[in-house]
Protein backbone atom coordinates (compact mmCIF):
# COMPACT_ATOMS: atom_id res chain seq x y z
CA MET A 1 0.00 0.00 0.00
CA ARG A 2 1.74 3.16 -1.17
CA CYS A 3 -0.48 5.84 -2.74
CA LEU A 4 -3.87 4.73 -1.27
CA HIS A 5 -5.42 4.94 -4.75
CA CYS A 6 -8.52 2.75 -5.32
CA PHE A 7 -9.01 0.49 -8.33
CA SER A 8 -12.08 -1.24 -9.72
CA SER A 9 -10.32 -4.53 -10.40
CA GLU A 10 -7.30 -6.52 -9.27
CA GLU A 11 -5.93 -6.41 -12.83
CA LEU A 12 -5.75 -2.61 -12.80
CA LEU A 13 -4.07 -2.71 -9.40
CA GLU A 14 -1.38 -5.10 -10.66
CA LYS A 15 -0.68 -2.82 -13.64
CA HIS A 16 -0.39 0.19 -11.36
CA LEU A 17 2.01 -1.30 -8.78
CA PRO A 18 5.28 -1.05 -10.79
CA GLU A 19 4.64 2.58 -11.75
CA CYS A 20 3.55 3.45 -8.21
CA PHE A 21 6.78 2.06 -6.79
CA LEU A 22 8.88 4.12 -9.22
CA ILE A 23 6.95 7.35 -8.60
CA ASN A 24 6.07 7.16 -4.91
CA GLY A 25 8.58 4.66 -3.51
CA THR A 26 7.79 2.86 -0.27
CA GLN A 27 6.10 4.55 2.67
CA LYS A 28 6.66 3.99 6.34
CA ILE A 29 4.28 4.79 9.21
CA GLU A 30 6.01 6.36 12.19
CA LEU A 31 3.97 6.71 15.37
CA PRO A 32 4.80 9.30 18.06
CA SER A 33 6.56 8.05 21.17
CA LYS A 34 4.39 7.07 24.13
CA GLY A 35 3.38 10.00 26.31
CA SER A 36 4.42 12.67 23.80
CA LYS A 37 2.12 15.58 22.96
CA ILE A 38 1.50 17.55 19.80
CA TYR A 39 1.42 21.32 20.16
CA PHE A 40 1.36 24.29 17.83
CA LYS A 41 4.65 26.19 17.55
CA ASN A 42 4.75 27.78 14.07
CA TYR A 43 3.25 31.04 15.28
CA TYR A 44 4.30 32.91 12.14
CA ARG A 45 1.56 31.03 10.29
CA LYS A 46 -1.07 32.87 12.32
CA MET A 47 -0.14 36.11 10.57
CA PRO A 48 -1.91 36.95 7.28
CA VAL A 49 0.30 36.91 4.21
CA PRO A 50 1.13 40.45 3.01
CA PHE A 51 0.04 39.81 -0.60
CA VAL A 52 -2.53 37.59 -2.32
CA ILE A 53 -3.14 37.14 -6.06
CA TYR A 54 -6.66 36.26 -7.31
CA ALA A 55 -6.62 34.89 -10.84
CA ASP A 56 -8.76 33.23 -13.49
CA PHE A 57 -8.41 31.85 -17.02
CA GLU A 58 -10.85 32.03 -19.90
CA ALA A 59 -10.80 29.32 -22.57
CA LEU A 60 -12.28 28.51 -25.97
CA THR A 61 -13.50 25.05 -26.95
CA GLU A 62 -12.15 23.60 -30.17
CA LYS A 63 -13.55 20.56 -31.93
CA ILE A 64 -11.33 17.48 -32.23
CA ASP A 65 -11.38 15.17 -35.23
CA SER A 66 -10.87 11.60 -34.08
CA CYS A 67 -10.94 8.16 -35.69
CA ILE A 68 -13.87 5.76 -35.43
CA PRO A 69 -13.51 3.80 -32.14
CA ASN A 70 -13.55 0.02 -31.85
CA ASN A 71 -16.90 -0.99 -30.36
CA ASP A 72 -15.42 -4.25 -29.07
CA LYS A 73 -13.35 -2.37 -26.46
CA SER A 74 -14.09 0.34 -23.94
CA TYR A 75 -12.97 3.77 -25.06
CA THR A 76 -13.13 7.49 -24.38
CA ASP A 77 -14.31 9.63 -27.26
CA PRO A 78 -12.74 13.13 -27.04
CA TYR A 79 -14.77 15.60 -29.08
CA GLN A 80 -13.32 18.97 -28.01
CA LYS A 81 -10.37 20.56 -26.22
CA HIS A 82 -10.11 23.70 -24.13
CA THR A 83 -7.55 26.31 -25.22
CA ALA A 84 -6.77 29.22 -22.91
CA CYS A 85 -7.53 32.54 -24.63
CA GLY A 86 -7.07 35.03 -21.81
CA TYR A 87 -6.36 35.62 -18.14
CA GLY A 88 -7.11 38.16 -15.47
CA TYR A 89 -5.58 38.63 -12.04
CA LYS A 90 -5.43 41.12 -9.19
CA VAL A 91 -2.72 41.61 -6.58
CA VAL A 92 -4.18 42.50 -3.16
CA CYS A 93 -2.33 43.77 -0.08
CA TYR A 94 -4.42 42.77 2.94
CA SER A 95 -3.17 45.52 5.27
CA ASP A 96 -2.78 48.56 3.02
CA GLN A 97 -4.85 48.88 -0.16
CA SER A 98 -2.47 51.49 -1.54
CA TYR A 99 -0.09 48.64 -2.36
CA SER A 100 -2.81 46.64 -4.16
CA LYS A 101 -2.87 46.76 -7.97
CA PRO A 102 -5.65 47.22 -10.53
CA VAL A 103 -6.91 44.16 -12.36
CA GLN A 104 -4.42 42.98 -14.98
CA PHE A 105 -5.72 41.17 -18.05
CA TYR A 106 -4.53 39.70 -21.32
CA ARG A 107 -6.13 38.23 -24.43
CA GLY A 108 -4.15 36.64 -27.23
CA GLU A 109 -1.62 33.92 -27.94
CA ASP A 110 0.70 32.10 -25.51
CA VAL A 111 -1.65 32.89 -22.62
CA ILE A 112 -0.21 30.48 -20.06
CA GLU A 113 3.42 31.29 -20.84
CA LYS A 114 2.72 35.01 -20.43
CA PHE A 115 0.77 34.38 -17.22
CA ASN A 116 3.63 32.39 -15.68
CA LYS A 117 6.05 35.16 -16.63
CA LYS A 118 3.80 37.81 -15.09
CA MET A 119 3.58 35.83 -11.85
CA THR A 120 7.37 35.79 -11.61
CA GLU A 121 7.40 39.56 -12.15
CA GLU A 122 4.76 40.09 -9.46
CA VAL A 123 6.87 38.15 -6.95
CA LYS A 124 9.81 40.49 -7.59
CA ASN A 125 7.54 43.55 -7.32
CA CYS A 126 6.12 42.36 -4.01
CA GLN A 127 9.60 41.70 -2.67
CA GLU A 128 10.66 45.23 -3.62
CA VAL A 129 7.62 46.71 -1.87
CA ILE A 130 8.43 44.77 1.29
CA LYS A 131 12.06 45.90 1.27
CA LYS A 132 11.24 49.58 0.66
CA HIS A 133 7.97 50.15 2.51
CA PHE A 134 7.24 47.37 5.02
CA ASN A 135 9.59 48.71 7.69
CA LYS A 136 7.40 51.26 9.47
CA PRO A 137 8.60 52.22 12.98
CA LEU A 138 6.51 51.44 16.04
CA ILE A 139 3.62 53.83 16.77
CA MET A 140 2.79 53.74 20.49
CA SER A 141 -0.04 55.63 22.15
CA PRO A 142 -0.22 56.13 25.94
CA GLU A 143 -2.94 53.46 26.02
CA ASN A 144 -0.66 51.05 24.14
CA GLU A 145 2.20 51.66 26.58
CA LEU A 146 -0.11 51.07 29.53
CA ASP A 147 -1.29 47.83 27.97
CA PHE A 148 2.32 46.70 27.52
CA GLN A 149 3.27 47.51 31.12
CA LYS A 150 0.27 45.62 32.48
CA SER A 151 0.58 42.58 30.19
CA THR A 152 1.28 39.23 31.85
CA LYS A 153 1.29 36.96 28.79
CA CYS A 154 2.46 36.87 25.19
CA HIS A 155 -0.31 37.73 22.72
CA ILE A 156 1.28 35.44 20.09
CA CYS A 157 1.82 32.14 21.94
CA GLU A 158 -0.66 33.09 24.71
CA LYS A 159 1.67 31.78 27.43
CA GLU A 160 2.19 33.53 30.76
CA TYR A 161 5.51 35.28 31.26
CA SER A 162 7.92 33.57 33.66
CA ASP A 163 11.63 33.63 34.57
CA SER A 164 12.09 30.30 32.80
CA ASP A 165 11.37 31.99 29.44
CA ASN A 166 14.98 33.19 29.30
CA PHE A 167 16.44 29.67 29.39
CA ILE A 168 16.26 26.63 27.12
CA ILE A 169 17.70 23.12 27.35
CA HIS A 170 20.15 22.50 24.49
CA LYS A 171 22.01 19.19 24.30
CA GLY A 172 21.31 18.54 27.95
CA LYS A 173 22.62 21.95 29.06
CA LYS A 174 20.77 25.00 30.30
CA VAL A 175 21.38 27.91 27.90
CA GLU A 176 20.39 31.53 28.53
CA ILE A 177 18.55 33.32 25.73
CA LYS A 178 17.07 36.80 25.24
CA ASN A 179 13.34 36.12 25.45
CA HIS A 180 12.12 39.13 27.45
CA PRO A 181 8.78 40.83 26.67
CA VAL A 182 8.92 43.26 23.72
CA ARG A 183 6.48 45.56 21.94
CA ASP A 184 5.23 43.71 18.87
CA HIS A 185 4.01 45.90 15.98
CA CYS A 186 2.91 45.61 12.36
CA HIS A 187 5.76 46.59 10.04
CA ILE A 188 3.26 47.55 7.32
CA SER A 189 1.17 50.05 9.32
CA GLY A 190 3.39 50.62 12.37
CA GLN A 191 0.48 49.87 14.72
CA TYR A 192 1.17 48.24 18.09
CA ARG A 193 -0.21 44.68 18.25
CA GLY A 194 0.60 43.64 21.80
CA SER A 195 3.20 42.40 24.24
CA ALA A 196 5.15 39.34 23.10
CA HIS A 197 8.15 37.18 23.82
CA ASN A 198 11.20 38.31 21.90
CA CYS A 199 11.48 34.90 20.19
CA CYS A 200 7.79 34.91 19.23
CA ASN A 201 8.09 38.43 17.88
CA LEU A 202 11.04 37.48 15.65
CA GLN A 203 8.94 34.68 14.11
CA LEU A 204 6.54 37.28 12.68
CA LYS A 205 9.25 39.13 10.80
CA ILE A 206 8.39 39.56 7.10
CA ASP A 207 11.31 38.19 5.11
CA PRO A 208 11.04 39.02 1.36
CA GLU A 209 13.36 36.13 0.48
CA LYS A 210 11.03 33.63 2.18
CA LEU A 211 7.85 35.27 0.88
CA LYS A 212 5.08 32.90 -0.24
CA ILE A 213 2.30 34.48 -2.28
CA PRO A 214 -0.98 32.52 -2.54
CA VAL A 215 -2.32 32.49 -6.11
CA ILE A 216 -6.01 31.66 -5.75
CA PHE A 217 -8.13 30.12 -8.50
CA HIS A 218 -11.71 28.93 -8.10
CA ASN A 219 -11.72 25.24 -9.14
CA LEU A 220 -7.95 25.12 -9.62
CA LYS A 221 -7.95 21.37 -8.92
CA GLY A 222 -10.50 20.50 -11.58
CA TYR A 223 -9.67 22.97 -14.34
CA ASP A 224 -7.10 25.81 -14.22
CA SER A 225 -4.21 23.71 -12.90
CA HIS A 226 -4.14 21.66 -16.11
CA PHE A 227 -3.24 24.73 -18.15
CA ILE A 228 -0.43 25.78 -15.80
CA ILE A 229 1.18 22.38 -15.21
CA LYS A 230 1.40 21.61 -18.93
CA LYS A 231 3.30 24.84 -19.65
CA ILE A 232 5.80 24.80 -16.79
CA GLU A 233 9.35 25.05 -18.10
CA LYS A 234 11.71 22.12 -17.81
CA ASP A 235 13.75 21.88 -14.57
CA THR A 236 11.32 24.21 -12.75
CA GLN A 237 11.20 23.48 -9.04
CA ILE A 238 7.68 22.35 -8.15
CA SER A 239 6.09 20.85 -5.05
CA VAL A 240 2.65 19.22 -5.37
CA ILE A 241 -0.10 18.10 -3.00
CA ALA A 242 -1.92 15.71 -5.30
CA TYR A 243 -5.46 14.34 -5.08
CA ASN A 244 -4.54 11.82 -7.77
CA PHE A 245 -2.33 11.72 -10.88
CA GLU A 246 -4.52 14.26 -12.70
CA LYS A 247 -5.87 16.59 -10.00
CA TYR A 248 -3.74 18.71 -7.67
CA ILE A 249 -5.13 20.18 -4.46
CA SER A 250 -2.29 22.68 -4.29
CA PHE A 251 1.17 23.17 -5.76
CA ARG A 252 4.10 25.51 -5.29
CA ILE A 253 6.29 26.77 -8.15
CA CYS A 254 9.82 27.69 -7.10
CA LYS A 255 9.87 29.12 -3.57
CA HIS A 256 7.35 31.92 -3.72
CA LEU A 257 4.18 31.05 -5.70
CA GLN A 258 1.68 28.85 -3.84
CA PHE A 259 -1.32 27.95 -6.03
CA ILE A 260 -4.45 27.04 -4.05
CA ASP A 261 -8.08 26.30 -4.87
CA SER A 262 -10.79 28.43 -3.23
CA PHE A 263 -13.36 25.80 -4.28
CA GLN A 264 -11.90 23.54 -1.57
CA PHE A 265 -13.13 26.03 1.04
CA ILE A 266 -16.24 27.43 -0.70
CA SER A 267 -17.74 24.60 -2.74
CA GLN A 268 -20.17 26.63 -4.82
CA SER A 269 -19.92 28.24 -8.24
CA LEU A 270 -18.92 31.90 -8.43
CA ASP A 271 -22.37 32.68 -9.81
CA LYS A 272 -24.11 31.24 -6.73
CA LEU A 273 -21.65 32.89 -4.37
CA SER A 274 -22.19 36.31 -5.96
CA ASN A 275 -25.98 35.89 -5.66
CA ASN A 276 -25.56 35.48 -1.89
CA LEU A 277 -24.09 38.98 -1.60
CA ASP A 278 -26.17 42.04 -0.80
CA LYS A 279 -27.00 44.26 -3.73
CA PHE A 280 -24.57 47.13 -4.14
CA ASN A 281 -23.72 49.80 -6.69
CA TYR A 282 -20.64 48.74 -8.64
CA THR A 283 -19.00 51.88 -10.01
CA ASP A 284 -15.66 50.59 -11.29
CA LEU A 285 -16.77 50.14 -14.89
CA GLU A 286 -13.78 51.68 -16.64
CA GLY A 287 -11.72 48.52 -17.02
CA PRO A 288 -12.48 45.67 -19.44
CA PHE A 289 -13.60 42.26 -18.32
CA ILE A 290 -12.86 38.75 -19.51
């Protein structure tokens, strides 16, 4: 048992086993040691990402001429293919809308290649914004300072302050560290967020070199991912969370672009989701739509 994939017959399973071994290798189950506990420690993942990209493809259907199938065997009869004809995307900064961008769109040839190139450019632009602008100094009001002086626990890990916070056990020895309470603040707005351990505060530092930008498609797994995967350049670094050999729940290209599917969290069509919203006056009608 390697990939946990189900098959309708033993014959199909036997055909799959050699390929599965080459692709997935063997898997080993490792259980935690007796009495151990699992606890959350990656506190930096509680912080919203500074940038998000919302994207979508539009495609045309083209007829396919195929040969007459053999009725004595089971077959799939492809009659059309989908060819990407355009894309649209928007870069959004969650904390400061002044760093968000207008909707970008394209119609024409080589849609996927141009989209992948634009995503690489957007990563570099976001990194530049972080380096130049996401370093606002701390803004403290008298109320904020009073809150800091009265605080008894870290607002990030939610643990009470104690003298033992300044020591850790490393290789069987007690080592002193600088883990005193500090004033944590947002480097985008400069606003004070709360009192925190020094080590917890350092976890929330925005590092442009480690930046991961979610690229969100609706129904990425069932549709849009096929366009992207087929056009990825050779030797591109890619990490995949696969549902099966054809559908990918999520995948990361290089170090910075994390493609995810909003349909996994909101399993309705965009048309039905938009109908659930309150009626409002949409005034941004200057730009084109795809």
